Amino acid sequence: MVTSLYLMPTGECNCACTYCYCPEQGKAGDPGLFNRIAVSFTDHIRSSNPQARPQIRFTGGEPWLEKELLPEVAELFLRRVPDGLVVVNTNAVFLPEDRLSGFRGDSRLIHVVSLDGPEYLHDSRRKTADGRGTFHKVVKGVKMLMDLDLPVYLNAVLDTESSGYLPEFMRFISSELGLTELSVSLLHLDTDPLSPAVRYSLLKNAYAEASSRSIRLGGHHRLLLGSWIPELRCNAGIATALIDPGGMVHACQRFVGRAKPDCMWTEDFDWNGFNSLQQCGSVCGGVDDHYVGKKLYELYSMEYPEYLHLHHLDRMLFGVLS
């Protein structure tokens, strides 16, 4: 049964990140379609009473380019599903304060903001479409969310370059922003074909740096431990469905552009019976990922036993957990 709906209302983006795996931007979808999808999903949740906390998660492209649709869907869902969550993955370059102010203090509207490191590193990788750095705009957006008392989490892309900036970056988020949690995401193998051993070493370094600053780490790599920590087992395509701007249904956000969609969404879509035909191994969960997961489990067991259990940060970052 789908309990986490990922909405991708646009493939457009105001940034041109150096490592983007979708180099050709897509178009925006039909807002009317996405409103109907949200209503249908909300009706499904209200009639199903799922055990897992229901979620609508916005991704893109840059979802806040749809600055009318996003708050409409969020308001609808949170009003009709009071225990639900709305999570927005955003570059935070131009968050609309006038739209967000109506949600002031609502802990159910959560933003996961991309910030890759200190100013120089971030601006060398995450630029606007016309080539300008975005660091100061992103930090301004993060502080605005915090001023509105809205939950915000940072996600940093981790590779050999950014790993060297982790000490400076973690000092910044701890001292300047007052944050104690951070998500790190390894670049996908298509754009960063490092060996499993190197990828594990990057994560091991990240955990050591985070521990020295009393920062809790999360990120997609946590899902690689599902074979050893059942609570972290990924249920993409069972507990989740992503709908792209064209109305096509995918197992999760990592499948867009990497695997064929399952079907097109229609008014009679079966939220209870959906089970993706795609297998995670085609995108993640292969032999290399298994190696990284096993090594992380060993690292946790020896040095960081607090990571051997599901944490609220895992829930905030992913909708694929049952």
Protein backbone atom coordinates (compact mmCIF):
# COMPACT_ATOMS: atom_id res chain seq x y z
CA MET A 1 0.00 0.00 0.00
CA VAL A 2 1.33 3.42 -0.96
CA THR A 3 1.78 5.60 2.14
CA SER A 4 4.34 8.03 0.70
CA LEU A 5 3.49 9.86 -2.50
CA TYR A 6 6.37 11.57 -4.28
CA LEU A 7 5.23 14.41 -6.53
CA MET A 8 7.48 15.79 -9.25
CA PRO A 9 5.36 18.64 -10.60
CA THR A 10 8.14 20.02 -12.80
CA GLY A 11 11.37 18.91 -14.38
CA GLU A 12 12.45 22.53 -14.69
CA CYS A 13 15.17 23.89 -12.41
CA ASN A 14 16.66 27.29 -11.73
CA CYS A 15 20.07 25.71 -11.09
CA ALA A 16 22.56 23.86 -13.28
CA CYS A 17 24.53 21.69 -10.89
CA THR A 18 27.75 20.24 -12.25
CA TYR A 19 26.78 16.67 -11.30
CA CYS A 20 23.12 16.71 -12.32
CA TYR A 21 22.14 13.34 -13.78
CA CYS A 22 19.23 14.92 -15.68
CA PRO A 23 21.15 17.29 -18.01
CA GLU A 24 18.08 17.94 -20.15
CA GLN A 25 15.48 19.75 -18.10
CA GLY A 26 11.93 18.59 -18.50
CA LYS A 27 8.80 20.66 -18.65
CA ALA A 28 6.31 21.52 -15.96
CA GLY A 29 3.31 19.27 -15.51
CA ASP A 30 -0.37 20.18 -15.45
CA PRO A 31 -1.25 21.67 -12.03
CA GLY A 32 -4.80 20.38 -12.39
CA LEU A 33 -3.50 16.83 -12.76
CA PHE A 34 -1.37 17.11 -9.63
CA ASN A 35 -4.27 18.53 -7.64
CA ARG A 36 -6.40 15.55 -8.67
CA ILE A 37 -3.60 13.16 -7.75
CA ALA A 38 -3.28 14.79 -4.33
CA VAL A 39 -7.03 14.56 -3.70
CA SER A 40 -7.08 10.90 -4.78
CA PHE A 41 -4.14 10.04 -2.53
CA THR A 42 -5.68 11.93 0.39
CA ASP A 43 -8.94 10.02 -0.03
CA HIS A 44 -6.95 6.78 -0.11
CA ILE A 45 -5.14 7.62 3.13
CA ARG A 46 -8.32 8.67 4.92
CA SER A 47 -10.02 5.39 4.01
CA SER A 48 -7.03 3.10 4.61
CA ASN A 49 -5.79 4.19 8.07
CA PRO A 50 -2.19 3.06 7.41
CA GLN A 51 0.18 2.24 10.26
CA ALA A 52 3.02 4.25 8.70
CA ARG A 53 2.77 8.05 8.94
CA PRO A 54 1.47 9.19 5.52
CA GLN A 55 3.54 11.63 3.50
CA ILE A 56 3.53 13.73 0.36
CA ARG A 57 7.07 14.47 -0.75
CA PHE A 58 7.89 17.08 -3.40
CA THR A 59 10.92 16.64 -5.62
CA GLY A 60 12.03 17.91 -9.00
CA GLY A 61 13.46 19.80 -10.82
CA GLU A 62 12.88 22.55 -8.32
CA PRO A 63 9.42 22.02 -6.81
CA TRP A 64 9.12 25.61 -5.52
CA LEU A 65 8.98 26.77 -9.15
CA GLU A 66 5.36 25.63 -8.74
CA LYS A 67 4.77 28.20 -6.00
CA GLU A 68 0.97 28.07 -6.34
CA LEU A 69 0.54 24.30 -6.55
CA LEU A 70 2.89 23.30 -3.73
CA PRO A 71 1.20 25.24 -0.89
CA GLU A 72 -2.26 24.30 -2.20
CA VAL A 73 -1.43 20.60 -2.05
CA ALA A 74 0.31 20.97 1.32
CA GLU A 75 -2.65 22.78 2.84
CA LEU A 76 -5.13 20.26 1.44
CA PHE A 77 -3.20 17.24 2.65
CA LEU A 78 -2.36 18.54 6.14
CA ARG A 79 -5.93 19.73 6.69
CA ARG A 80 -7.49 16.42 5.69
CA VAL A 81 -4.70 14.18 7.10
CA PRO A 82 -3.69 15.90 10.36
CA ASP A 83 -0.99 13.33 11.19
CA GLY A 84 0.57 13.56 7.72
CA LEU A 85 3.84 15.11 6.62
CA VAL A 86 4.75 17.21 3.60
CA VAL A 87 8.46 17.10 2.73
CA VAL A 88 10.01 19.38 0.10
CA ASN A 89 13.40 18.67 -1.46
CA THR A 90 14.64 22.06 -2.61
CA ASN A 91 17.70 24.10 -3.54
CA ALA A 92 16.14 26.93 -1.46
CA VAL A 93 17.37 29.63 -3.85
CA PHE A 94 14.09 31.51 -3.90
CA LEU A 95 11.72 30.20 -1.29
CA PRO A 96 8.48 32.25 -1.32
CA GLU A 97 8.23 33.73 2.16
CA ASP A 98 4.71 35.02 1.49
CA ARG A 99 3.50 31.46 0.75
CA LEU A 100 5.43 29.90 3.61
CA SER A 101 4.37 32.38 6.29
CA GLY A 102 0.92 30.79 6.36
CA PHE A 103 2.54 27.58 7.65
CA ARG A 104 4.51 29.31 10.41
CA GLY A 105 5.25 26.91 13.26
CA ASP A 106 3.74 23.88 11.48
CA SER A 107 6.23 21.08 12.13
CA ARG A 108 4.50 18.92 9.50
CA LEU A 109 5.92 21.00 6.61
CA ILE A 110 9.56 19.97 6.28
CA HIS A 111 12.28 21.17 3.91
CA VAL A 112 15.36 19.21 2.89
CA VAL A 113 17.77 21.79 1.50
CA SER A 114 20.79 21.09 -0.70
CA LEU A 115 23.97 22.71 0.63
CA ASP A 116 27.18 21.02 -0.45
CA GLY A 117 29.78 22.69 1.76
CA PRO A 118 31.42 26.03 2.53
CA GLU A 119 30.90 28.90 0.10
CA TYR A 120 33.72 28.21 -2.34
CA LEU A 121 32.89 24.53 -2.77
CA HIS A 122 29.13 24.99 -2.95
CA ASP A 123 29.35 27.80 -5.50
CA SER A 124 31.72 25.81 -7.71
CA ARG A 125 29.13 23.03 -8.02
CA ARG A 126 25.64 24.44 -7.49
CA LYS A 127 25.20 27.47 -9.73
CA THR A 128 22.15 29.21 -11.15
CA ALA A 129 21.35 28.55 -14.78
CA ASP A 130 23.28 31.73 -15.71
CA GLY A 131 26.39 30.66 -13.78
CA ARG A 132 26.10 32.50 -10.47
CA GLY A 133 26.87 30.88 -7.12
CA THR A 134 23.95 30.17 -4.80
CA PHE A 135 25.53 29.77 -1.36
CA HIS A 136 24.34 33.03 0.18
CA LYS A 137 20.82 32.64 -1.21
CA VAL A 138 20.58 29.10 0.14
CA VAL A 139 21.77 30.13 3.60
CA LYS A 140 19.31 33.02 3.57
CA GLY A 141 16.52 30.57 2.68
CA VAL A 142 17.53 28.20 5.48
CA LYS A 143 17.52 31.02 8.01
CA MET A 144 14.12 32.19 6.78
CA LEU A 145 12.68 28.71 7.32
CA MET A 146 14.17 28.65 10.80
CA ASP A 147 12.72 32.10 11.55
CA LEU A 148 9.30 30.75 10.52
CA ASP A 149 9.83 27.84 12.92
CA LEU A 150 9.62 25.32 10.08
CA PRO A 151 11.78 22.17 10.24
CA VAL A 152 14.76 22.21 7.90
CA TYR A 153 17.42 19.60 7.19
CA LEU A 154 20.52 19.96 5.04
CA ASN A 155 21.71 17.48 2.43
CA ALA A 156 25.26 17.58 1.08
CA VAL A 157 26.56 15.62 -1.89
CA LEU A 158 29.63 13.64 -0.86
CA ASP A 159 32.54 12.83 -3.16
CA THR A 160 36.33 12.95 -3.01
CA GLU A 161 36.38 16.74 -3.43
CA SER A 162 33.71 17.65 -0.89
CA SER A 163 35.06 15.16 1.67
CA GLY A 164 38.06 17.42 2.24
CA TYR A 165 35.78 20.32 3.16
CA LEU A 166 33.75 18.45 5.77
CA PRO A 167 35.53 19.86 8.85
CA GLU A 168 34.94 23.45 7.73
CA PHE A 169 31.39 22.69 6.59
CA MET A 170 30.39 20.97 9.82
CA ARG A 171 31.81 23.82 11.86
CA PHE A 172 29.67 26.19 9.82
CA ILE A 173 26.37 24.34 10.16
CA SER A 174 26.98 23.75 13.86
CA SER A 175 28.27 27.20 14.84
CA GLU A 176 26.54 29.48 12.33
CA LEU A 177 23.24 27.67 11.77
CA GLY A 178 22.93 25.80 15.06
CA LEU A 179 22.05 22.52 13.33
CA THR A 180 22.93 19.15 14.80
CA GLU A 181 21.88 16.85 11.94
CA LEU A 182 23.12 16.46 8.35
CA SER A 183 22.28 14.23 5.43
CA VAL A 184 25.10 13.20 3.09
CA SER A 185 24.48 11.62 -0.30
CA LEU A 186 27.13 9.83 -2.30
CA LEU A 187 27.17 10.82 -5.94
CA HIS A 188 25.49 8.19 -8.09
CA LEU A 189 27.88 5.79 -9.80
CA ASP A 190 26.91 7.17 -13.22
CA THR A 191 28.45 10.53 -12.37
CA ASP A 192 31.11 9.43 -9.87
CA PRO A 193 32.33 5.89 -10.69
CA LEU A 194 34.39 5.33 -7.56
CA SER A 195 35.17 1.88 -6.21
CA PRO A 196 33.04 0.56 -3.31
CA ALA A 197 36.07 0.77 -1.02
CA VAL A 198 36.57 4.46 -1.80
CA ARG A 199 32.88 5.21 -1.36
CA TYR A 200 32.94 3.51 2.03
CA SER A 201 36.06 5.44 3.03
CA LEU A 202 34.28 8.73 2.22
CA LEU A 203 31.41 7.74 4.49
CA LYS A 204 33.75 6.57 7.24
CA ASN A 205 35.48 9.95 7.16
CA ALA A 206 32.12 11.73 7.26
CA TYR A 207 31.06 9.80 10.36
CA ALA A 208 34.34 10.59 12.11
CA GLU A 209 33.99 14.32 11.35
CA ALA A 210 30.33 14.36 12.40
CA SER A 211 31.09 12.56 15.65
CA SER A 212 33.75 15.13 16.52
CA ARG A 213 31.12 17.90 16.15
CA SER A 214 28.25 15.98 17.81
CA ILE A 215 26.34 16.01 14.51
CA ARG A 216 23.96 13.20 13.59
CA LEU A 217 24.39 11.88 10.04
CA GLY A 218 21.74 10.49 7.73
CA GLY A 219 21.35 9.99 4.01
CA HIS A 220 20.51 7.48 1.31
CA HIS A 221 23.49 5.33 2.30
CA ARG A 222 21.53 4.35 5.43
CA LEU A 223 19.14 2.37 3.24
CA LEU A 224 22.04 0.17 2.14
CA LEU A 225 21.93 -1.43 5.60
CA GLY A 226 18.46 -2.92 5.17
CA SER A 227 19.88 -6.46 4.98
CA TRP A 228 21.33 -6.05 8.48
CA ILE A 229 18.94 -3.54 10.07
CA PRO A 230 15.38 -4.54 9.02
CA GLU A 231 13.96 -1.14 10.03
CA LEU A 232 16.03 0.41 7.23
CA ARG A 233 14.82 -1.94 4.52
CA CYS A 234 13.79 0.06 1.46
CA ASN A 235 10.21 -0.42 0.28
CA ALA A 236 10.41 1.69 -2.87
CA GLY A 237 7.61 0.83 -5.25
CA ILE A 238 5.47 -0.73 -2.52
CA ALA A 239 5.15 1.96 0.13
CA THR A 240 5.96 4.67 -2.43
CA ALA A 241 4.96 5.93 -5.82
CA LEU A 242 6.45 8.90 -7.66
CA ILE A 243 4.49 10.73 -10.33
CA ASP A 244 6.51 12.79 -12.80
CA PRO A 245 5.42 15.90 -14.77
CA GLY A 246 3.97 13.73 -17.52
CA GLY A 247 1.82 11.77 -15.09
CA MET A 248 3.95 8.63 -15.28
CA VAL A 249 4.33 6.49 -12.15
CA HIS A 250 7.76 5.38 -10.89
CA ALA A 251 8.90 3.36 -7.88
CA CYS A 252 10.79 6.29 -6.31
CA GLN A 253 12.68 9.46 -7.14
CA ARG A 254 15.94 7.65 -7.87
CA PHE A 255 14.27 5.78 -10.72
CA VAL A 256 13.35 8.86 -12.77
CA GLY A 257 15.59 8.99 -15.82
CA ARG A 258 17.22 5.66 -14.92
CA ALA A 259 14.43 3.11 -15.32
CA LYS A 260 11.22 2.89 -17.28
CA PRO A 261 8.06 4.06 -15.47
CA ASP A 262 5.50 1.49 -14.44
CA CYS A 263 2.39 3.10 -15.86
CA MET A 264 0.52 6.34 -16.32
CA TRP A 265 -1.56 7.61 -13.40
CA THR A 266 -5.32 7.50 -13.93
CA GLU A 267 -8.29 8.35 -11.74
CA ASP A 268 -8.73 4.67 -10.84
CA PHE A 269 -5.08 4.17 -9.81
CA ASP A 270 -4.82 1.38 -7.22
CA TRP A 271 -2.99 2.93 -4.26
CA ASN A 272 -3.55 -0.21 -2.18
CA GLY A 273 -2.35 -2.70 -4.76
CA PHE A 274 0.51 -0.83 -6.45
CA ASN A 275 3.67 -2.91 -6.64
CA SER A 276 6.36 -1.62 -8.98
CA LEU A 277 7.58 -3.92 -11.71
CA GLN A 278 11.03 -2.33 -11.42
CA GLN A 279 13.61 -3.84 -9.13
CA CYS A 280 15.85 -1.64 -6.98
CA GLY A 281 18.94 -3.55 -8.08
CA SER A 282 18.78 -1.83 -11.46
CA VAL A 283 19.39 1.53 -9.78
CA CYS A 284 20.62 0.88 -6.24
CA GLY A 285 21.15 -2.18 -4.08
CA GLY A 286 23.64 -3.91 -6.37
CA VAL A 287 26.84 -5.74 -5.40
CA ASP A 288 28.79 -2.52 -4.80
CA ASP A 289 26.05 -1.12 -2.58
CA HIS A 290 25.91 -4.39 -0.66
CA TYR A 291 29.62 -4.06 0.08
CA VAL A 292 29.21 -0.48 1.33
CA GLY A 293 26.22 -1.48 3.47
CA LYS A 294 28.09 -4.39 5.05
CA LYS A 295 31.10 -2.21 5.86
CA LEU A 296 28.86 0.47 7.37
CA TYR A 297 27.16 -2.12 9.54
CA GLU A 298 30.55 -3.23 10.81
CA LEU A 299 31.53 0.40 11.44
CA TYR A 300 28.33 1.03 13.39
CA SER A 301 28.80 -2.13 15.44
CA MET A 302 32.35 -1.22 16.41
CA GLU A 303 32.22 2.56 16.79
CA TYR A 304 28.72 4.04 16.48
CA PRO A 305 26.12 1.69 18.00
CA GLU A 306 23.58 4.52 18.18
CA TYR A 307 23.23 4.21 14.38
CA LEU A 308 22.09 0.59 14.58
CA HIS A 309 18.49 1.73 15.09
CA LEU A 310 16.01 3.72 13.04
CA HIS A 311 16.17 7.42 13.87
CA HIS A 312 13.68 10.23 13.24
CA LEU A 313 16.14 11.69 10.70
CA ASP A 314 15.70 8.56 8.57
CA ARG A 315 11.93 9.16 8.52
CA MET A 316 12.37 12.81 7.58
CA LEU A 317 14.71 12.06 4.71
CA PHE A 318 12.92 9.09 3.13
CA GLY A 319 9.42 7.92 2.46
CA VAL A 320 10.47 4.41 1.48
CA LEU A 321 10.50 3.09 5.06
CA SER A 322 7.41 1.22 6.23
